[in-house]
PDB file of all heavy atoms in Angstrom:
ATOM      1  N   ILE A   1       6.577   6.631   6.168  1.00  0.00           N
ATOM      2  CA  ILE A   1       7.526   5.617   5.819  1.00  0.00           C
ATOM      3  C   ILE A   1       7.093   4.279   6.406  1.00  0.00           C
ATOM      4  O   ILE A   1       7.221   3.216   5.813  1.00  0.00           O
ATOM      5  CB  ILE A   1       8.946   6.003   6.189  1.00  0.00           C
ATOM      6  CG1 ILE A   1       9.270   7.391   5.655  1.00  0.00           C
ATOM      7  CG2 ILE A   1       9.951   4.994   5.693  1.00  0.00           C
ATOM      8  CD1 ILE A   1      10.629   7.925   6.069  1.00  0.00           C
ATOM      9  N   GLY A   2       6.610   4.331   7.645  1.00  0.00           N
ATOM     10  CA  GLY A   2       6.105   3.114   8.286  1.00  0.00           C
ATOM     11  C   GLY A   2       4.970   2.458   7.547  1.00  0.00           C
ATOM     12  O   GLY A   2       4.864   1.195   7.552  1.00  0.00           O
ATOM     13  N   MET A   3       4.128   3.232   6.897  1.00  0.00           N
ATOM     14  CA  MET A   3       3.044   2.628   6.100  1.00  0.00           C
ATOM     15  C   MET A   3       3.628   1.853   4.935  1.00  0.00           C
ATOM     16  O   MET A   3       3.081   0.789   4.547  1.00  0.00           O
ATOM     17  CB  MET A   3       2.094   3.745   5.603  1.00  0.00           C
ATOM     18  CG  MET A   3       1.248   4.341   6.700  1.00  0.00           C
ATOM     19  SD  MET A   3       0.050   5.531   6.055  1.00  0.00           S
ATOM     20  CE  MET A   3      -0.533   6.273   7.568  1.00  0.00           C
ATOM     21  N   GLY A   4       4.691   2.357   4.340  1.00  0.00           N
ATOM     22  CA  GLY A   4       5.360   1.634   3.291  1.00  0.00           C
ATOM     23  C   GLY A   4       5.893   0.291   3.818  1.00  0.00           C
ATOM     24  O   GLY A   4       5.873  -0.751   3.138  1.00  0.00           O
ATOM     25  N   MET A   5       6.442   0.311   5.083  1.00  0.00           N
ATOM     26  CA  MET A   5       6.907  -0.931   5.660  1.00  0.00           C
ATOM     27  C   MET A   5       5.741  -1.907   5.911  1.00  0.00           C
ATOM     28  O   MET A   5       5.892  -3.120   5.767  1.00  0.00           O
ATOM     29  CB  MET A   5       7.604  -0.631   6.999  1.00  0.00           C
ATOM     30  CG  MET A   5       8.907   0.093   6.893  1.00  0.00           C
ATOM     31  SD  MET A   5       9.717   0.250   8.476  1.00  0.00           S
ATOM     32  CE  MET A   5      10.039  -1.456   8.951  1.00  0.00           C
ATOM     33  N   ALA A   6       4.582  -1.377   6.266  1.00  0.00           N
ATOM     34  CA  ALA A   6       3.420  -2.235   6.422  1.00  0.00           C
ATOM     35  C   ALA A   6       3.006  -2.917   5.114  1.00  0.00           C
ATOM     36  O   ALA A   6       2.673  -4.112   5.095  1.00  0.00           O
ATOM     37  CB  ALA A   6       2.252  -1.424   7.008  1.00  0.00           C
ATOM     38  N   LEU A   7       3.129  -2.164   4.049  1.00  0.00           N
ATOM     39  CA  LEU A   7       2.863  -2.754   2.737  1.00  0.00           C
ATOM     40  C   LEU A   7       3.857  -3.874   2.406  1.00  0.00           C
ATOM     41  O   LEU A   7       3.499  -4.931   1.839  1.00  0.00           O
ATOM     42  CB  LEU A   7       2.914  -1.670   1.680  1.00  0.00           C
ATOM     43  CG  LEU A   7       2.483  -2.048   0.236  1.00  0.00           C
ATOM     44  CD1 LEU A   7       1.002  -2.425   0.211  1.00  0.00           C
ATOM     45  CD2 LEU A   7       2.781  -0.916  -0.737  1.00  0.00           C
ATOM     46  N   ALA A   8       5.129  -3.659   2.772  1.00  0.00           N
ATOM     47  CA  ALA A   8       6.160  -4.675   2.560  1.00  0.00           C
ATOM     48  C   ALA A   8       5.849  -5.929   3.396  1.00  0.00           C
ATOM     49  O   ALA A   8       6.061  -7.050   2.950  1.00  0.00           O
ATOM     50  CB  ALA A   8       7.559  -4.116   2.867  1.00  0.00           C
ATOM     51  N   ALA A   9       5.367  -5.731   4.611  1.00  0.00           N
ATOM     52  CA  ALA A   9       5.061  -6.856   5.485  1.00  0.00           C
ATOM     53  C   ALA A   9       3.888  -7.651   4.927  1.00  0.00           C
ATOM     54  O   ALA A   9       3.909  -8.903   4.961  1.00  0.00           O
ATOM     55  CB  ALA A   9       4.722  -6.348   6.910  1.00  0.00           C
ATOM     56  N   LEU A  10       2.909  -6.947   4.388  1.00  0.00           N
ATOM     57  CA  LEU A  10       1.769  -7.613   3.774  1.00  0.00           C
ATOM     58  C   LEU A  10       2.236  -8.484   2.575  1.00  0.00           C
ATOM     59  O   LEU A  10       1.789  -9.614   2.420  1.00  0.00           O
ATOM     60  CB  LEU A  10       0.722  -6.611   3.307  1.00  0.00           C
ATOM     61  CG  LEU A  10      -0.536  -7.184   2.664  1.00  0.00           C
ATOM     62  CD1 LEU A  10      -1.312  -8.028   3.644  1.00  0.00           C
ATOM     63  CD2 LEU A  10      -1.398  -6.052   2.119  1.00  0.00           C
ATOM     64  N   LYS A  11       3.147  -7.961   1.808  1.00  0.00           N
ATOM     65  CA  LYS A  11       3.635  -8.710   0.653  1.00  0.00           C
ATOM     66  C   LYS A  11       4.438  -9.920   1.113  1.00  0.00           C
ATOM     67  O   LYS A  11       4.391 -10.983   0.500  1.00  0.00           O
ATOM     68  CB  LYS A  11       4.505  -7.820  -0.234  1.00  0.00           C
ATOM     69  CG  LYS A  11       5.067  -8.521  -1.471  1.00  0.00           C
ATOM     70  CD  LYS A  11       5.860  -7.550  -2.363  1.00  0.00           C
ATOM     71  CE  LYS A  11       6.408  -8.329  -3.565  1.00  0.00           C
ATOM     72  NZ  LYS A  11       7.148  -7.417  -4.472  1.00  0.00           N
ATOM     73  N   ARG A  12       5.263  -9.793   2.208  1.00  0.00           N
ATOM     74  CA  ARG A  12       6.083 -10.905   2.669  1.00  0.00           C
ATOM     75  C   ARG A  12       5.240 -12.033   3.242  1.00  0.00           C
ATOM     76  O   ARG A  12       5.481 -13.179   2.949  1.00  0.00           O
ATOM     77  CB  ARG A  12       7.037 -10.369   3.709  1.00  0.00           C
ATOM     78  CG  ARG A  12       7.901 -11.456   4.389  1.00  0.00           C
ATOM     79  CD  ARG A  12       8.778 -10.870   5.448  1.00  0.00           C
ATOM     80  NE  ARG A  12       9.503 -11.886   6.172  1.00  0.00           N
ATOM     81  CZ  ARG A  12      10.652 -12.426   5.873  1.00  0.00           C
ATOM     82  NH1 ARG A  12      11.246 -12.025   4.747  1.00  0.00           N
ATOM     83  NH2 ARG A  12      11.243 -13.330   6.614  1.00  0.00           N
ATOM     84  N   TYR A  13       4.270 -11.707   4.067  1.00  0.00           N
ATOM     85  CA  TYR A  13       3.553 -12.733   4.818  1.00  0.00           C
ATOM     86  C   TYR A  13       2.256 -13.219   4.157  1.00  0.00           C
ATOM     87  O   TYR A  13       1.764 -14.279   4.480  1.00  0.00           O
ATOM     88  CB  TYR A  13       3.250 -12.224   6.240  1.00  0.00           C
ATOM     89  CG  TYR A  13       4.520 -12.007   7.060  1.00  0.00           C
ATOM     90  CD1 TYR A  13       4.943 -10.756   7.384  1.00  0.00           C
ATOM     91  CD2 TYR A  13       5.324 -13.077   7.443  1.00  0.00           C
ATOM     92  CE1 TYR A  13       6.092 -10.526   8.091  1.00  0.00           C
ATOM     93  CE2 TYR A  13       6.484 -12.839   8.186  1.00  0.00           C
ATOM     94  CZ  TYR A  13       6.843 -11.596   8.479  1.00  0.00           C
ATOM     95  OH  TYR A  13       8.022 -11.377   9.224  1.00  0.00           O
ATOM     96  N   HIS A  14       1.734 -12.410   3.198  1.00  0.00           N
ATOM     97  CA  HIS A  14       0.522 -12.813   2.525  1.00  0.00           C
ATOM     98  C   HIS A  14       0.642 -12.477   1.034  1.00  0.00           C
ATOM     99  O   HIS A  14      -0.115 -11.632   0.499  1.00  0.00           O
ATOM    100  CB  HIS A  14      -0.681 -12.077   3.098  1.00  0.00           C
ATOM    101  CG  HIS A  14      -0.874 -12.364   4.598  1.00  0.00           C
ATOM    102  ND1 HIS A  14      -1.500 -13.513   5.101  1.00  0.00           N
ATOM    103  CD2 HIS A  14      -0.503 -11.639   5.671  1.00  0.00           C
ATOM    104  CE1 HIS A  14      -1.470 -13.499   6.396  1.00  0.00           C
ATOM    105  NE2 HIS A  14      -0.926 -12.357   6.794  1.00  0.00           N
ATOM    106  N   PRO A  15       1.577 -13.115   0.357  1.00  0.00           N
ATOM    107  CA  PRO A  15       1.854 -12.756  -1.036  1.00  0.00           C
ATOM    108  C   PRO A  15       0.666 -12.958  -1.995  1.00  0.00           C
ATOM    109  O   PRO A  15       0.447 -12.176  -2.882  1.00  0.00           O
ATOM    110  CB  PRO A  15       3.054 -13.614  -1.416  1.00  0.00           C
ATOM    111  CG  PRO A  15       3.010 -14.772  -0.431  1.00  0.00           C
ATOM    112  CD  PRO A  15       2.471 -14.202   0.821  1.00  0.00           C
ATOM    113  N   GLU A  16      -0.069 -14.040  -1.786  1.00  0.00           N
ATOM    114  CA  GLU A  16      -1.197 -14.299  -2.665  1.00  0.00           C
ATOM    115  C   GLU A  16      -2.318 -13.269  -2.507  1.00  0.00           C
ATOM    116  O   GLU A  16      -2.846 -12.740  -3.487  1.00  0.00           O
ATOM    117  CB  GLU A  16      -1.756 -15.682  -2.376  1.00  0.00           C
ATOM    118  CG  GLU A  16      -0.776 -16.853  -2.697  1.00  0.00           C
ATOM    119  CD  GLU A  16      -0.344 -16.856  -4.141  1.00  0.00           C
ATOM    120  OE1 GLU A  16      -1.186 -16.473  -4.993  1.00  0.00           O
ATOM    121  OE2 GLU A  16       0.803 -17.260  -4.420  1.00  0.00           O
ATOM    122  N   SER A  17      -2.610 -12.923  -1.266  1.00  0.00           N
ATOM    123  CA  SER A  17      -3.632 -11.912  -1.010  1.00  0.00           C
ATOM    124  C   SER A  17      -3.145 -10.531  -1.551  1.00  0.00           C
ATOM    125  O   SER A  17      -3.909  -9.747  -2.080  1.00  0.00           O
ATOM    126  CB  SER A  17      -3.953 -11.818   0.489  1.00  0.00           C
ATOM    127  OG  SER A  17      -4.472 -13.051   0.925  1.00  0.00           O
ATOM    128  N   TYR A  18      -1.851 -10.312  -1.338  1.00  0.00           N
ATOM    129  CA  TYR A  18      -1.291  -9.047  -1.833  1.00  0.00           C
ATOM    130  C   TYR A  18      -1.458  -8.903  -3.339  1.00  0.00           C
ATOM    131  O   TYR A  18      -1.979  -7.862  -3.810  1.00  0.00           O
ATOM    132  CB  TYR A  18       0.201  -8.975  -1.448  1.00  0.00           C
ATOM    133  CG  TYR A  18       0.991  -7.794  -1.968  1.00  0.00           C
ATOM    134  CD1 TYR A  18       1.048  -6.626  -1.283  1.00  0.00           C
ATOM    135  CD2 TYR A  18       1.674  -7.918  -3.186  1.00  0.00           C
ATOM    136  CE1 TYR A  18       1.726  -5.544  -1.760  1.00  0.00           C
ATOM    137  CE2 TYR A  18       2.412  -6.848  -3.657  1.00  0.00           C
ATOM    138  CZ  TYR A  18       2.429  -5.647  -2.940  1.00  0.00           C
ATOM    139  OH  TYR A  18       3.116  -4.562  -3.415  1.00  0.00           O
ATOM    140  N   ARG A  19      -1.096  -9.925  -4.076  1.00  0.00           N
ATOM    141  CA  ARG A  19      -1.251  -9.857  -5.507  1.00  0.00           C
ATOM    142  C   ARG A  19      -2.751  -9.825  -5.916  1.00  0.00           C
ATOM    143  O   ARG A  19      -3.136  -9.159  -6.871  1.00  0.00           O
ATOM    144  CB  ARG A  19      -0.511 -11.035  -6.170  1.00  0.00           C
ATOM    145  CG  ARG A  19       0.993 -10.902  -6.158  1.00  0.00           C
ATOM    146  CD  ARG A  19       1.619 -11.897  -7.090  1.00  0.00           C
ATOM    147  NE  ARG A  19       1.378 -13.293  -6.635  1.00  0.00           N
ATOM    148  CZ  ARG A  19       2.183 -13.924  -5.799  1.00  0.00           C
ATOM    149  NH1 ARG A  19       3.267 -13.333  -5.324  1.00  0.00           N
ATOM    150  NH2 ARG A  19       1.897 -15.173  -5.394  1.00  0.00           N
ATOM    151  N   GLY A  20      -3.529 -10.618  -5.205  1.00  0.00           N
ATOM    152  CA  GLY A  20      -4.931 -10.691  -5.567  1.00  0.00           C
ATOM    153  C   GLY A  20      -5.655  -9.391  -5.403  1.00  0.00           C
ATOM    154  O   GLY A  20      -6.498  -9.035  -6.262  1.00  0.00           O
ATOM    155  N   TYR A  21      -5.366  -8.628  -4.379  1.00  0.00           N
ATOM    156  CA  TYR A  21      -6.060  -7.365  -4.151  1.00  0.00           C
ATOM    157  C   TYR A  21      -5.429  -6.213  -4.959  1.00  0.00           C
ATOM    158  O   TYR A  21      -6.125  -5.472  -5.631  1.00  0.00           O
ATOM    159  CB  TYR A  21      -6.041  -7.023  -2.658  1.00  0.00           C
ATOM    160  CG  TYR A  21      -6.977  -7.844  -1.842  1.00  0.00           C
ATOM    161  CD1 TYR A  21      -6.471  -8.759  -0.898  1.00  0.00           C
ATOM    162  CD2 TYR A  21      -8.355  -7.708  -1.960  1.00  0.00           C
ATOM    163  CE1 TYR A  21      -7.371  -9.497  -0.094  1.00  0.00           C
ATOM    164  CE2 TYR A  21      -9.237  -8.468  -1.227  1.00  0.00           C
ATOM    165  CZ  TYR A  21      -8.723  -9.390  -0.286  1.00  0.00           C
ATOM    166  OH  TYR A  21      -9.586 -10.132   0.484  1.00  0.00           O
ATOM    167  N   PHE A  22      -4.137  -6.076  -4.911  1.00  0.00           N
ATOM    168  CA  PHE A  22      -3.506  -4.889  -5.463  1.00  0.00           C
ATOM    169  C   PHE A  22      -3.300  -4.944  -6.980  1.00  0.00           C
ATOM    170  O   PHE A  22      -3.057  -3.903  -7.602  1.00  0.00           O
ATOM    171  CB  PHE A  22      -2.170  -4.640  -4.792  1.00  0.00           C
ATOM    172  CG  PHE A  22      -2.312  -4.105  -3.388  1.00  0.00           C
ATOM    173  CD1 PHE A  22      -1.915  -4.868  -2.299  1.00  0.00           C
ATOM    174  CD2 PHE A  22      -2.826  -2.848  -3.123  1.00  0.00           C
ATOM    175  CE1 PHE A  22      -2.060  -4.397  -1.001  1.00  0.00           C
ATOM    176  CE2 PHE A  22      -2.960  -2.354  -1.865  1.00  0.00           C
ATOM    177  CZ  PHE A  22      -2.558  -3.122  -0.789  1.00  0.00           C
ATOM    178  N   SER A  23      -3.374  -6.123  -7.602  1.00  0.00           N
ATOM    179  CA  SER A  23      -3.167  -6.199  -9.044  1.00  0.00           C
ATOM    180  C   SER A  23      -4.371  -5.720  -9.795  1.00  0.00           C
ATOM    181  O   SER A  23      -4.318  -5.630 -11.064  1.00  0.00           O
ATOM    182  CB  SER A  23      -2.820  -7.652  -9.439  1.00  0.00           C
ATOM    183  OG  SER A  23      -3.908  -8.500  -9.075  1.00  0.00           O
ATOM    184  N   ARG A  24      -5.471  -5.415  -9.147  1.00  0.00           N
ATOM    185  CA  ARG A  24      -6.652  -4.946  -9.841  1.00  0.00           C
ATOM    186  C   ARG A  24      -6.555  -3.496 -10.213  1.00  0.00           C
ATOM    187  O   ARG A  24      -6.179  -2.661  -9.371  1.00  0.00           O
ATOM    188  CB  ARG A  24      -7.881  -5.165  -8.960  1.00  0.00           C
ATOM    189  CG  ARG A  24      -8.104  -6.638  -8.541  1.00  0.00           C
ATOM    190  CD  ARG A  24      -9.182  -6.725  -7.517  1.00  0.00           C
ATOM    191  NE  ARG A  24      -9.332  -8.148  -7.064  1.00  0.00           N
ATOM    192  CZ  ARG A  24     -10.186  -8.510  -6.107  1.00  0.00           C
ATOM    193  NH1 ARG A  24     -10.934  -7.589  -5.511  1.00  0.00           N
ATOM    194  NH2 ARG A  24     -10.241  -9.792  -5.764  1.00  0.00           N
ATOM    195  N   PRO A  25      -6.915  -3.122 -11.457  1.00  0.00           N
ATOM    196  CA  PRO A  25      -6.802  -1.672 -11.865  1.00  0.00           C
ATOM    197  C   PRO A  25      -7.623  -0.758 -11.040  1.00  0.00           C
ATOM    198  O   PRO A  25      -7.358   0.435 -10.905  1.00  0.00           O
ATOM    199  CB  PRO A  25      -7.285  -1.747 -13.331  1.00  0.00           C
ATOM    200  CG  PRO A  25      -7.010  -3.108 -13.802  1.00  0.00           C
ATOM    201  CD  PRO A  25      -7.234  -3.999 -12.585  1.00  0.00           C
ATOM    202  N   VAL A  26      -8.695  -1.308 -10.405  1.00  0.00           N
ATOM    203  CA  VAL A  26      -9.531  -0.445  -9.606  1.00  0.00           C
ATOM    204  C   VAL A  26      -8.741   0.171  -8.411  1.00  0.00           C
ATOM    205  O   VAL A  26      -9.076   1.274  -7.959  1.00  0.00           O
ATOM    206  CB  VAL A  26     -10.752  -1.224  -9.046  1.00  0.00           C
ATOM    207  CG1 VAL A  26     -10.306  -2.288  -8.063  1.00  0.00           C
ATOM    208  CG2 VAL A  26     -11.782  -0.307  -8.427  1.00  0.00           C
ATOM    209  N   CYS A  27      -7.674  -0.476  -7.997  1.00  0.00           N
ATOM    210  CA  CYS A  27      -6.849   0.071  -6.924  1.00  0.00           C
ATOM    211  C   CYS A  27      -6.222   1.366  -7.391  1.00  0.00           C
ATOM    212  O   CYS A  27      -6.145   2.344  -6.577  1.00  0.00           O
ATOM    213  CB  CYS A  27      -5.786  -0.939  -6.528  1.00  0.00           C
ATOM    214  SG  CYS A  27      -6.410  -2.367  -5.579  1.00  0.00           S
ATOM    215  N   ALA A  28      -5.689   1.412  -8.627  1.00  0.00           N
ATOM    216  CA  ALA A  28      -5.118   2.653  -9.113  1.00  0.00           C
ATOM    217  C   ALA A  28      -6.122   3.764  -9.233  1.00  0.00           C
ATOM    218  O   ALA A  28      -5.861   4.903  -8.850  1.00  0.00           O
ATOM    219  CB  ALA A  28      -4.481   2.398 -10.465  1.00  0.00           C
TER     220      ALA A  28
END
C-alpha cells in the first residue's frame, strides 16, 4: 500500500514527469 502512496506522491510533486513517463503504452 505504501508503494501506491509513493505513486501518489510522484503525481503530486512531479505531475509533468508522471504523465510523461506513465502515459506511454510501453508501461502497460
